[in-house]
C-alpha cells in the first residue's frame, strides 16, 4: 500500500499568484491615465476678480435657470449667448451656482462654454 499524501504542493498556487502580480504591475500604471485633468483653484476674493478683469458672469439658480447680466437665458441659447459675448470678456467665465442647483445644469453651461472656445471657467457659490 502507498504512503498517504501528507503535504500540499503549493508550487501551482505560487505560480498563479506570481502571474497575477505581474498582470497587476503592468495594468496599474495604465489606470492613472484616465479621468479629468483638474487644476486646484486658488483662494481669491470675488471682488478682486470682478475689479481686475473682464469675466463673463453667469448664474445658475436652484430651479436650474440661467442668468447673464440679470437676464434669463434659455438652456437652448446658452452656446449662442456665450459665443456672442466671448470676445468682450477675454478673461473667461465665472459661474455663480446656487447651493440647490443640479450638477447637470452647471455641466451644460460649462460644456457650452468649452464648445465655443472658452478655456478659463471658474465656479463660485
Protein backbone atom coordinates (compact mmCIF):
# COMPACT_ATOMS: atom_id res chain seq x y z
CA UNK A 1 0.00 0.00 0.00
CA UNK A 2 1.22 3.51 -0.81
CA UNK A 3 2.14 6.03 1.80
CA UNK A 4 -0.54 8.63 2.41
CA UNK A 5 -0.13 12.07 0.91
CA UNK A 6 0.60 14.37 3.87
CA UNK A 7 1.88 17.56 2.23
CA UNK A 8 0.18 20.03 -0.07
CA UNK A 9 2.10 21.10 -3.15
CA UNK A 10 1.94 24.92 -3.23
CA UNK A 11 4.00 25.39 -6.39
CA UNK A 12 0.96 25.83 -8.72
CA UNK A 13 -0.59 28.28 -6.26
CA UNK A 14 2.62 30.29 -6.15
CA UNK A 15 2.77 30.34 -9.95
CA UNK A 16 -0.77 31.71 -10.15
CA UNK A 17 -0.02 34.45 -7.63
CA UNK A 18 3.13 35.47 -9.47
CA UNK A 19 1.25 35.70 -12.77
CA UNK A 20 -1.47 37.82 -11.11
CA UNK A 21 1.18 40.06 -9.57
CA UNK A 22 2.82 40.62 -12.95
CA UNK A 23 -0.55 41.42 -14.55
CA UNK A 24 -1.36 43.96 -11.83
CA UNK A 25 2.08 45.58 -12.17
CA UNK A 26 1.54 46.03 -15.90
CA UNK A 27 -2.05 47.31 -15.64
CA UNK A 28 -1.64 49.66 -12.62
CA UNK A 29 0.21 52.47 -14.49
CA UNK A 30 -2.46 52.44 -17.20
CA UNK A 31 -5.23 53.16 -14.68
CA UNK A 32 -3.70 56.53 -13.73
CA UNK A 33 -4.15 57.92 -17.24
CA UNK A 34 -7.94 58.02 -17.03
CA UNK A 35 -10.00 60.80 -15.51
CA UNK A 36 -10.29 64.56 -15.66
CA UNK A 37 -7.42 66.98 -15.66
CA UNK A 38 -8.37 69.47 -12.97
CA UNK A 39 -6.40 72.40 -11.69
CA UNK A 40 -6.78 73.13 -8.00
CA UNK A 41 -8.16 76.65 -7.62
CA UNK A 42 -6.53 79.34 -5.56
CA UNK A 43 -8.50 81.24 -2.93
CA UNK A 44 -9.22 84.71 -4.29
CA UNK A 45 -11.80 87.24 -3.19
CA UNK A 46 -14.58 87.68 -5.73
CA UNK A 47 -14.28 91.47 -5.50
CA UNK A 48 -10.69 91.28 -6.76
CA UNK A 49 -11.74 89.13 -9.71
CA UNK A 50 -14.52 91.47 -10.78
CA UNK A 51 -12.41 94.66 -10.46
CA UNK A 52 -9.23 93.42 -12.12
CA UNK A 53 -10.57 91.51 -15.09
CA UNK A 54 -13.27 91.16 -17.67
CA UNK A 55 -15.07 87.95 -16.79
CA UNK A 56 -18.40 86.82 -18.15
CA UNK A 57 -20.71 86.26 -15.16
CA UNK A 58 -23.40 83.60 -15.40
CA UNK A 59 -25.69 82.44 -12.61
CA UNK A 60 -27.41 79.08 -12.19
CA UNK A 61 -30.35 79.21 -9.80
CA UNK A 62 -31.83 76.47 -7.63
CA UNK A 63 -34.56 75.83 -10.23
CA UNK A 64 -31.84 75.38 -12.91
CA UNK A 65 -32.40 78.66 -14.74
CA UNK A 66 -29.51 80.52 -16.34
CA UNK A 67 -28.92 84.26 -15.97
CA UNK A 68 -26.41 86.51 -17.75
CA UNK A 69 -26.33 90.17 -16.71
CA UNK A 70 -29.59 89.68 -14.79
CA UNK A 71 -31.36 88.42 -17.92
CA UNK A 72 -32.69 84.90 -18.07
CA UNK A 73 -31.19 82.77 -20.83
CA UNK A 74 -32.91 79.66 -22.18
CA UNK A 75 -30.90 76.45 -21.97
CA UNK A 76 -31.02 76.09 -25.76
CA UNK A 77 -29.49 79.57 -26.22
CA UNK A 78 -26.53 79.12 -23.88
CA UNK A 79 -23.96 78.39 -26.57
CA UNK A 80 -25.01 81.30 -28.79
CA UNK A 81 -25.04 83.71 -25.83
CA UNK A 82 -21.56 82.66 -24.71
CA UNK A 83 -20.21 82.86 -28.27
CA UNK A 84 -21.66 86.37 -28.79
CA UNK A 85 -20.04 87.73 -25.61
CA UNK A 86 -16.80 85.72 -25.55
CA UNK A 87 -14.83 88.42 -27.39
CA UNK A 88 -15.97 91.12 -24.94
CA UNK A 89 -14.85 89.03 -21.94
CA UNK A 90 -11.39 87.62 -22.73
CA UNK A 91 -10.62 86.54 -19.16
CA UNK A 92 -13.10 83.67 -19.12
CA UNK A 93 -16.33 82.67 -17.47
CA UNK A 94 -17.46 82.80 -13.84
CA UNK A 95 -20.43 80.62 -12.93
CA UNK A 96 -22.20 81.54 -9.71
CA UNK A 97 -24.09 78.46 -8.61
CA UNK A 98 -26.92 78.24 -6.10
CA UNK A 99 -26.44 75.54 -3.47
CA UNK A 100 -29.51 73.62 -4.67
CA UNK A 101 -28.77 73.77 -8.41
CA UNK A 102 -28.39 70.47 -10.20
CA UNK A 103 -24.95 69.34 -11.29
CA UNK A 104 -26.21 68.66 -14.82
CA UNK A 105 -27.28 72.28 -15.29
CA UNK A 106 -23.82 73.55 -14.37
CA UNK A 107 -22.12 70.99 -16.61
CA UNK A 108 -24.36 72.01 -19.52
CA UNK A 109 -23.21 75.62 -19.15
CA UNK A 110 -19.57 74.51 -18.87
CA UNK A 111 -19.91 72.34 -22.00
CA UNK A 112 -21.46 75.23 -23.92
CA UNK A 113 -18.55 77.47 -22.97
CA UNK A 114 -15.98 74.81 -23.92
CA UNK A 115 -17.66 74.26 -27.30
CA UNK A 116 -17.35 77.96 -28.07
CA UNK A 117 -13.68 78.02 -27.07
CA UNK A 118 -13.70 79.48 -23.56
CA UNK A 119 -10.84 77.82 -21.71
CA UNK A 120 -10.95 79.57 -18.34
CA UNK A 121 -14.03 78.60 -16.33
CA UNK A 122 -14.46 79.31 -12.60
CA UNK A 123 -17.20 78.32 -10.16
CA UNK A 124 -18.50 80.34 -7.23
CA UNK A 125 -21.22 79.85 -4.64
